[in-house]
């Protein structure tokens, strides 16, 4: 899973020129929270995904982070959420030929046998909804909704957090709006501004089992700015 938000404890630069020879998966340090199968899965993933040669080199940072929280342990016992940060190394000349991406964080969700339970790496939060569905997680009341939101916040750093302005809303009988928050007006052009709400939309079946989930940014209201321009 790819994150737009980069953790403060990781790199904040847009890319780094190569300074040292490319590393290999054999030097991946032992992560204490992982068992042998999970450790091997991380090493295999890095070995298969790294691109250590060329003008742009896709290198995994060896400082792994394991996301952990009460919500994750409750909803996904035995799973380990391992964040791998990918950094782009490049030759100086490549800066004029490519858009150099900044660090990207992907999270491996490993069961006790080292199998990745969230393997698509599409970069969209629908993957988390797929995980909830696969593990038959239920959202039936405010307590279970808050638990799922807390788990989501644990692995999507910066999402929701503990902002007192957010809430979990039940929408009809089949949807929950987790972390619902309304934002002030913002300009989207020289003549129009919008007011939006953001939330994580959970769809559930008649028994409360999660069917799907996705991140939503919804326009609540549009209005014209002062001056000439179309009215809406």
C-alpha atoms as a PDB file:
ATOM      1  CA  UNK A   1       0.000   0.000   0.000  1.00  0.00           C
ATOM      2  CA  UNK A   2       1.417   3.362  -0.958  1.00  0.00           C
ATOM      3  CA  UNK A   3       1.084   6.394   1.244  1.00  0.00           C
ATOM      4  CA  UNK A   4       1.057  10.041   0.242  1.00  0.00           C
ATOM      5  CA  UNK A   5       2.029  10.962   3.795  1.00  0.00           C
ATOM      6  CA  UNK A   6       5.670  10.392   4.731  1.00  0.00           C
ATOM      7  CA  UNK A   7       6.425   9.692   8.362  1.00  0.00           C
ATOM      8  CA  UNK A   8       8.584  12.248  10.110  1.00  0.00           C
ATOM      9  CA  UNK A   9      10.902   9.488  11.236  1.00  0.00           C
ATOM     10  CA  UNK A  10      11.542   8.606   7.595  1.00  0.00           C
ATOM     11  CA  UNK A  11      13.025  10.667   4.784  1.00  0.00           C
ATOM     12  CA  UNK A  12      11.458  13.956   3.734  1.00  0.00           C
ATOM     13  CA  UNK A  13      13.654  14.613   0.720  1.00  0.00           C
ATOM     14  CA  UNK A  14      12.463  14.266  -2.883  1.00  0.00           C
ATOM     15  CA  UNK A  15      15.215  11.814  -3.747  1.00  0.00           C
ATOM     16  CA  UNK A  16      18.867  11.279  -3.001  1.00  0.00           C
ATOM     17  CA  UNK A  17      21.847  10.944  -5.316  1.00  0.00           C
ATOM     18  CA  UNK A  18      23.515   7.571  -4.994  1.00  0.00           C
ATOM     19  CA  UNK A  19      26.402   7.717  -2.542  1.00  0.00           C
ATOM     20  CA  UNK A  20      27.127   4.048  -1.866  1.00  0.00           C
ATOM     21  CA  UNK A  21      26.954   0.800  -3.820  1.00  0.00           C
ATOM     22  CA  UNK A  22      23.464  -0.694  -3.969  1.00  0.00           C
ATOM     23  CA  UNK A  23      22.506  -2.769  -0.984  1.00  0.00           C
ATOM     24  CA  UNK A  24      20.999  -6.250  -1.141  1.00  0.00           C
ATOM     25  CA  UNK A  25      18.248  -8.023   0.767  1.00  0.00           C
ATOM     26  CA  UNK A  26      20.893 -10.071   2.599  1.00  0.00           C
ATOM     27  CA  UNK A  27      21.640  -7.031   4.765  1.00  0.00           C
ATOM     28  CA  UNK A  28      18.045  -6.549   5.909  1.00  0.00           C
ATOM     29  CA  UNK A  29      18.286  -6.334   9.701  1.00  0.00           C
ATOM     30  CA  UNK A  30      16.332  -8.654  11.936  1.00  0.00           C
ATOM     31  CA  UNK A  31      13.062  -7.081  13.003  1.00  0.00           C
ATOM     32  CA  UNK A  32      12.359  -8.185  16.562  1.00  0.00           C
ATOM     33  CA  UNK A  33       8.591  -8.178  16.215  1.00  0.00           C
ATOM     34  CA  UNK A  34       8.662 -10.687  13.328  1.00  0.00           C
ATOM     35  CA  UNK A  35       8.918 -14.461  13.395  1.00  0.00           C
ATOM     36  CA  UNK A  36      11.192 -16.322  10.983  1.00  0.00           C
ATOM     37  CA  UNK A  37       8.550 -16.704   8.251  1.00  0.00           C
ATOM     38  CA  UNK A  38       7.604 -13.037   8.414  1.00  0.00           C
ATOM     39  CA  UNK A  39      11.248 -11.947   8.361  1.00  0.00           C
ATOM     40  CA  UNK A  40      11.862 -14.073   5.280  1.00  0.00           C
ATOM     41  CA  UNK A  41       8.775 -12.606   3.594  1.00  0.00           C
ATOM     42  CA  UNK A  42      10.152  -9.086   4.101  1.00  0.00           C
ATOM     43  CA  UNK A  43      13.551 -10.064   2.728  1.00  0.00           C
ATOM     44  CA  UNK A  44      11.997 -11.809  -0.285  1.00  0.00           C
ATOM     45  CA  UNK A  45       9.768  -8.823  -0.989  1.00  0.00           C
ATOM     46  CA  UNK A  46      12.730  -6.445  -0.973  1.00  0.00           C
ATOM     47  CA  UNK A  47      14.855  -8.741  -3.122  1.00  0.00           C
ATOM     48  CA  UNK A  48      12.104  -9.106  -5.725  1.00  0.00           C
ATOM     49  CA  UNK A  49      11.135  -5.428  -5.785  1.00  0.00           C
ATOM     50  CA  UNK A  50      14.416  -3.544  -5.553  1.00  0.00           C
ATOM     51  CA  UNK A  51      15.902  -2.052  -8.697  1.00  0.00           C
ATOM     52  CA  UNK A  52      19.528  -1.298  -7.731  1.00  0.00           C
ATOM     53  CA  UNK A  53      20.808  -0.393 -11.196  1.00  0.00           C
ATOM     54  CA  UNK A  54      20.064   2.247 -13.811  1.00  0.00           C
ATOM     55  CA  UNK A  55      19.674   6.012 -13.796  1.00  0.00           C
ATOM     56  CA  UNK A  56      16.854   5.655 -11.263  1.00  0.00           C
ATOM     57  CA  UNK A  57      17.382   3.094  -8.522  1.00  0.00           C
ATOM     58  CA  UNK A  58      14.502   1.933  -6.336  1.00  0.00           C
ATOM     59  CA  UNK A  59      16.043   1.098  -2.925  1.00  0.00           C
ATOM     60  CA  UNK A  60      14.324  -0.034   0.281  1.00  0.00           C
ATOM     61  CA  UNK A  61      15.311   1.741   3.473  1.00  0.00           C
ATOM     62  CA  UNK A  62      16.557  -0.888   5.942  1.00  0.00           C
ATOM     63  CA  UNK A  63      14.983   0.831   8.944  1.00  0.00           C
ATOM     64  CA  UNK A  64      11.690  -1.068   9.027  1.00  0.00           C
ATOM     65  CA  UNK A  65       8.765   0.108  11.106  1.00  0.00           C
ATOM     66  CA  UNK A  66       6.137  -2.261  12.500  1.00  0.00           C
ATOM     67  CA  UNK A  67       2.827  -0.508  13.057  1.00  0.00           C
ATOM     68  CA  UNK A  68       1.141  -1.656  16.243  1.00  0.00           C
ATOM     69  CA  UNK A  69      -1.887  -0.555  18.236  1.00  0.00           C
ATOM     70  CA  UNK A  70      -4.624  -2.030  20.406  1.00  0.00           C
ATOM     71  CA  UNK A  71      -7.056  -1.780  17.486  1.00  0.00           C
ATOM     72  CA  UNK A  72      -4.739  -3.667  15.117  1.00  0.00           C
ATOM     73  CA  UNK A  73      -4.100  -6.378  17.698  1.00  0.00           C
ATOM     74  CA  UNK A  74      -7.817  -6.744  18.383  1.00  0.00           C
ATOM     75  CA  UNK A  75      -9.013  -6.839  14.775  1.00  0.00           C
ATOM     76  CA  UNK A  76      -6.051  -8.715  13.288  1.00  0.00           C
ATOM     77  CA  UNK A  77      -4.486 -10.937  15.964  1.00  0.00           C
ATOM     78  CA  UNK A  78      -1.262 -12.530  14.815  1.00  0.00           C
ATOM     79  CA  UNK A  79      -0.778 -10.156  11.876  1.00  0.00           C
ATOM     80  CA  UNK A  80       2.222  -7.860  11.591  1.00  0.00           C
ATOM     81  CA  UNK A  81       2.003  -4.564   9.693  1.00  0.00           C
ATOM     82  CA  UNK A  82       5.479  -3.868   8.355  1.00  0.00           C
ATOM     83  CA  UNK A  83       6.129  -0.489   6.707  1.00  0.00           C
ATOM     84  CA  UNK A  84       8.810  -0.557   4.017  1.00  0.00           C
ATOM     85  CA  UNK A  85      10.028   2.808   2.739  1.00  0.00           C
ATOM     86  CA  UNK A  86      11.197   3.010  -0.870  1.00  0.00           C
ATOM     87  CA  UNK A  87      13.704   5.694  -1.785  1.00  0.00           C
ATOM     88  CA  UNK A  88      14.719   6.763  -5.276  1.00  0.00           C
ATOM     89  CA  UNK A  89      18.461   7.080  -5.852  1.00  0.00           C
ATOM     90  CA  UNK A  90      19.479   8.763  -9.080  1.00  0.00           C
ATOM     91  CA  UNK A  91      22.339  10.016 -11.189  1.00  0.00           C
ATOM     92  CA  UNK A  92      22.494  13.849 -11.251  1.00  0.00           C
ATOM     93  CA  UNK A  93      21.731  13.923 -14.980  1.00  0.00           C
ATOM     94  CA  UNK A  94      18.480  12.061 -14.390  1.00  0.00           C
ATOM     95  CA  UNK A  95      16.981  15.072 -12.576  1.00  0.00           C
ATOM     96  CA  UNK A  96      16.535  16.788 -15.943  1.00  0.00           C
ATOM     97  CA  UNK A  97      14.858  13.775 -17.532  1.00  0.00           C
ATOM     98  CA  UNK A  98      12.464  12.430 -14.898  1.00  0.00           C
ATOM     99  CA  UNK A  99      10.176  13.528 -12.134  1.00  0.00           C
ATOM    100  CA  UNK A 100      11.982  12.127  -9.100  1.00  0.00           C
ATOM    101  CA  UNK A 101       9.451  10.689  -6.645  1.00  0.00           C
ATOM    102  CA  UNK A 102       9.867  11.188  -2.929  1.00  0.00           C
ATOM    103  CA  UNK A 103       9.931   8.329  -0.419  1.00  0.00           C
ATOM    104  CA  UNK A 104       6.917   6.029  -0.685  1.00  0.00           C
ATOM    105  CA  UNK A 105       5.769   3.783   2.146  1.00  0.00           C
ATOM    106  CA  UNK A 106       4.251   0.383   1.444  1.00  0.00           C
ATOM    107  CA  UNK A 107       2.821  -1.773   4.197  1.00  0.00           C
ATOM    108  CA  UNK A 108       3.089  -5.551   4.215  1.00  0.00           C
ATOM    109  CA  UNK A 109       0.335  -7.256   6.219  1.00  0.00           C
ATOM    110  CA  UNK A 110       1.887 -10.570   7.197  1.00  0.00           C
ATOM    111  CA  UNK A 111       0.190 -13.503   8.889  1.00  0.00           C
ATOM    112  CA  UNK A 112       2.061 -15.990  11.070  1.00  0.00           C
ATOM    113  CA  UNK A 113       3.160 -17.956   7.973  1.00  0.00           C
ATOM    114  CA  UNK A 114       4.572 -14.851   6.285  1.00  0.00           C
ATOM    115  CA  UNK A 115       1.793 -14.572   3.697  1.00  0.00           C
ATOM    116  CA  UNK A 116       0.911 -11.025   2.670  1.00  0.00           C
ATOM    117  CA  UNK A 117      -2.787 -10.517   3.344  1.00  0.00           C
ATOM    118  CA  UNK A 118      -2.970  -7.151   1.565  1.00  0.00           C
ATOM    119  CA  UNK A 119      -0.873  -7.816  -1.552  1.00  0.00           C
ATOM    120  CA  UNK A 120      -2.214  -5.509  -4.279  1.00  0.00           C
ATOM    121  CA  UNK A 121      -0.154  -2.380  -3.487  1.00  0.00           C
ATOM    122  CA  UNK A 122      -2.443  -0.229  -5.589  1.00  0.00           C
ATOM    123  CA  UNK A 123      -1.907   2.822  -3.406  1.00  0.00           C
ATOM    124  CA  UNK A 124      -5.593   3.247  -2.591  1.00  0.00           C
ATOM    125  CA  UNK A 125      -7.308   2.697   0.744  1.00  0.00           C
ATOM    126  CA  UNK A 126      -9.768   0.259  -0.822  1.00  0.00           C
ATOM    127  CA  UNK A 127      -7.141  -2.336   0.094  1.00  0.00           C
ATOM    128  CA  UNK A 128      -7.885  -1.794   3.769  1.00  0.00           C
ATOM    129  CA  UNK A 129     -11.579  -2.373   3.049  1.00  0.00           C
ATOM    130  CA  UNK A 130     -10.662  -5.604   1.256  1.00  0.00           C
ATOM    131  CA  UNK A 131      -8.693  -6.694   4.330  1.00  0.00           C
ATOM    132  CA  UNK A 132     -11.648  -5.971   6.622  1.00  0.00           C
ATOM    133  CA  UNK A 133     -13.887  -7.973   4.300  1.00  0.00           C
ATOM    134  CA  UNK A 134     -11.486 -10.918   4.058  1.00  0.00           C
ATOM    135  CA  UNK A 135     -11.112 -11.104   7.852  1.00  0.00           C
ATOM    136  CA  UNK A 136     -14.880 -10.797   8.369  1.00  0.00           C
ATOM    137  CA  UNK A 137     -14.679  -7.716  10.543  1.00  0.00           C
ATOM    138  CA  UNK A 138     -18.051  -6.388  11.710  1.00  0.00           C
ATOM    139  CA  UNK A 139     -19.122  -2.781  12.197  1.00  0.00           C
ATOM    140  CA  UNK A 140     -22.421  -2.714  14.047  1.00  0.00           C
ATOM    141  CA  UNK A 141     -22.255   0.180  16.514  1.00  0.00           C
ATOM    142  CA  UNK A 142     -20.246   3.231  17.534  1.00  0.00           C
ATOM    143  CA  UNK A 143     -17.714   1.136  19.465  1.00  0.00           C
ATOM    144  CA  UNK A 144     -16.846  -1.170  16.577  1.00  0.00           C
ATOM    145  CA  UNK A 145     -16.799   1.783  14.166  1.00  0.00           C
ATOM    146  CA  UNK A 146     -14.280   3.594  16.388  1.00  0.00           C
ATOM    147  CA  UNK A 147     -12.170   0.430  16.570  1.00  0.00           C
ATOM    148  CA  UNK A 148     -11.956   0.174  12.777  1.00  0.00           C
ATOM    149  CA  UNK A 149     -11.171   3.896  12.473  1.00  0.00           C
ATOM    150  CA  UNK A 150      -8.390   3.520  15.044  1.00  0.00           C
ATOM    151  CA  UNK A 151      -6.890   0.613  13.086  1.00  0.00           C
ATOM    152  CA  UNK A 152      -7.061   2.645   9.893  1.00  0.00           C
ATOM    153  CA  UNK A 153      -5.320   5.554  11.596  1.00  0.00           C
ATOM    154  CA  UNK A 154      -2.591   3.235  12.870  1.00  0.00           C
ATOM    155  CA  UNK A 155      -1.390   2.268   9.403  1.00  0.00           C
ATOM    156  CA  UNK A 156      -2.353   5.384   7.437  1.00  0.00           C
ATOM    157  CA  UNK A 157      -0.316   7.805   9.490  1.00  0.00           C
ATOM    158  CA  UNK A 158      -1.836  11.267   9.404  1.00  0.00           C
ATOM    159  CA  UNK A 159      -5.329   9.992   8.581  1.00  0.00           C
ATOM    160  CA  UNK A 160      -7.929  11.154  11.115  1.00  0.00           C
ATOM    161  CA  UNK A 161      -5.658  11.051  14.154  1.00  0.00           C
ATOM    162  CA  UNK A 162      -7.464  12.029  17.365  1.00  0.00           C
ATOM    163  CA  UNK A 163      -9.044  15.209  16.058  1.00  0.00           C
ATOM    164  CA  UNK A 164     -12.046  15.976  18.261  1.00  0.00           C
ATOM    165  CA  UNK A 165     -13.835  17.452  15.258  1.00  0.00           C
ATOM    166  CA  UNK A 166     -14.217  14.079  13.564  1.00  0.00           C
ATOM    167  CA  UNK A 167     -16.998  11.591  14.204  1.00  0.00           C
ATOM    168  CA  UNK A 168     -18.239   8.220  12.984  1.00  0.00           C
ATOM    169  CA  UNK A 169     -21.684   8.472  11.397  1.00  0.00           C
ATOM    170  CA  UNK A 170     -24.101   5.737  10.456  1.00  0.00           C
ATOM    171  CA  UNK A 171     -25.594   6.394   7.024  1.00  0.00           C
ATOM    172  CA  UNK A 172     -28.764   4.451   6.354  1.00  0.00           C
ATOM    173  CA  UNK A 173     -28.421   0.796   7.376  1.00  0.00           C
ATOM    174  CA  UNK A 174     -25.585  -0.270   5.123  1.00  0.00           C
ATOM    175  CA  UNK A 175     -22.916   2.422   5.412  1.00  0.00           C
ATOM    176  CA  UNK A 176     -20.673   3.978   8.037  1.00  0.00           C
ATOM    177  CA  UNK A 177     -18.822   7.254   7.538  1.00  0.00           C
ATOM    178  CA  UNK A 178     -15.702   6.831   9.668  1.00  0.00           C
ATOM    179  CA  UNK A 179     -13.725   9.871  10.706  1.00  0.00           C
ATOM    180  CA  UNK A 180     -16.284  12.240   9.193  1.00  0.00           C
ATOM    181  CA  UNK A 181     -14.940  15.783   9.132  1.00  0.00           C
ATOM    182  CA  UNK A 182     -16.186  18.922   7.386  1.00  0.00           C
ATOM    183  CA  UNK A 183     -13.600  21.338   6.035  1.00  0.00           C
ATOM    184  CA  UNK A 184     -13.883  25.120   5.600  1.00  0.00           C
ATOM    185  CA  UNK A 185     -14.338  26.640   2.172  1.00  0.00           C
ATOM    186  CA  UNK A 186     -11.289  26.562  -0.121  1.00  0.00           C
ATOM    187  CA  UNK A 187     -10.799  28.162  -3.513  1.00  0.00           C
ATOM    188  CA  UNK A 188     -10.599  25.768  -6.469  1.00  0.00           C
ATOM    189  CA  UNK A 189     -10.373  28.486  -9.124  1.00  0.00           C
ATOM    190  CA  UNK A 190     -10.259  32.245  -9.422  1.00  0.00           C
ATOM    191  CA  UNK A 191     -14.039  32.425  -9.213  1.00  0.00           C
ATOM    192  CA  UNK A 192     -15.253  29.427  -7.177  1.00  0.00           C
ATOM    193  CA  UNK A 193     -14.733  27.824  -3.774  1.00  0.00           C
ATOM    194  CA  UNK A 194     -16.058  24.649  -2.237  1.00  0.00           C
ATOM    195  CA  UNK A 195     -16.764  23.247   1.186  1.00  0.00           C
ATOM    196  CA  UNK A 196     -16.015  19.554   1.558  1.00  0.00           C
ATOM    197  CA  UNK A 197     -16.295  16.618   3.918  1.00  0.00           C
ATOM    198  CA  UNK A 198     -13.851  13.730   4.157  1.00  0.00           C
ATOM    199  CA  UNK A 199     -14.410  10.279   5.606  1.00  0.00           C
ATOM    200  CA  UNK A 200     -13.758   6.576   5.141  1.00  0.00           C
ATOM    201  CA  UNK A 201     -16.879   4.947   3.727  1.00  0.00           C
ATOM    202  CA  UNK A 202     -17.548   1.457   5.049  1.00  0.00           C
ATOM    203  CA  UNK A 203     -20.283  -0.640   3.439  1.00  0.00           C
ATOM    204  CA  UNK A 204     -21.665  -3.509   5.500  1.00  0.00           C
ATOM    205  CA  UNK A 205     -24.129  -6.333   4.915  1.00  0.00           C
ATOM    206  CA  UNK A 206     -27.253  -7.107   6.944  1.00  0.00           C
ATOM    207  CA  UNK A 207     -25.145  -8.774   9.666  1.00  0.00           C
ATOM    208  CA  UNK A 208     -22.698  -5.882   9.892  1.00  0.00           C
ATOM    209  CA  UNK A 209     -19.805  -7.633   8.122  1.00  0.00           C
ATOM    210  CA  UNK A 210     -17.692  -5.245   6.084  1.00  0.00           C
ATOM    211  CA  UNK A 211     -18.252  -5.549   2.342  1.00  0.00           C
ATOM    212  CA  UNK A 212     -15.902  -2.791   1.185  1.00  0.00           C
ATOM    213  CA  UNK A 213     -14.233   0.455   2.207  1.00  0.00           C
ATOM    214  CA  UNK A 214     -12.853   3.512   0.476  1.00  0.00           C
ATOM    215  CA  UNK A 215     -11.664   7.030   1.224  1.00  0.00           C
ATOM    216  CA  UNK A 216     -14.066   9.799   0.174  1.00  0.00           C
ATOM    217  CA  UNK A 217     -13.740  13.542  -0.303  1.00  0.00           C
ATOM    218  CA  UNK A 218     -17.255  14.907  -0.868  1.00  0.00           C
ATOM    219  CA  UNK A 219     -18.244  18.387  -2.041  1.00  0.00           C
ATOM    220  CA  UNK A 220     -20.974  19.694   0.249  1.00  0.00           C
ATOM    221  CA  UNK A 221     -21.380  23.191  -1.142  1.00  0.00           C
ATOM    222  CA  UNK A 222     -20.092  25.429  -3.938  1.00  0.00           C
ATOM    223  CA  UNK A 223     -20.178  29.189  -4.075  1.00  0.00           C
ATOM    224  CA  UNK A 224     -18.832  31.958  -6.266  1.00  0.00           C
ATOM    225  CA  UNK A 225     -16.036  34.174  -5.145  1.00  0.00           C
ATOM    226  CA  UNK A 226     -16.460  37.933  -5.496  1.00  0.00           C
ATOM    227  CA  UNK A 227     -15.747  39.217  -8.969  1.00  0.00           C
ATOM    228  CA  UNK A 228     -16.640  38.060 -12.420  1.00  0.00           C
ATOM    229  CA  UNK A 229     -17.118  34.439 -13.193  1.00  0.00           C
ATOM    230  CA  UNK A 230     -19.812  31.788 -13.545  1.00  0.00           C
ATOM    231  CA  UNK A 231     -22.318  31.330 -10.750  1.00  0.00           C
ATOM    232  CA  UNK A 232     -23.189  27.821  -9.507  1.00  0.00           C
END
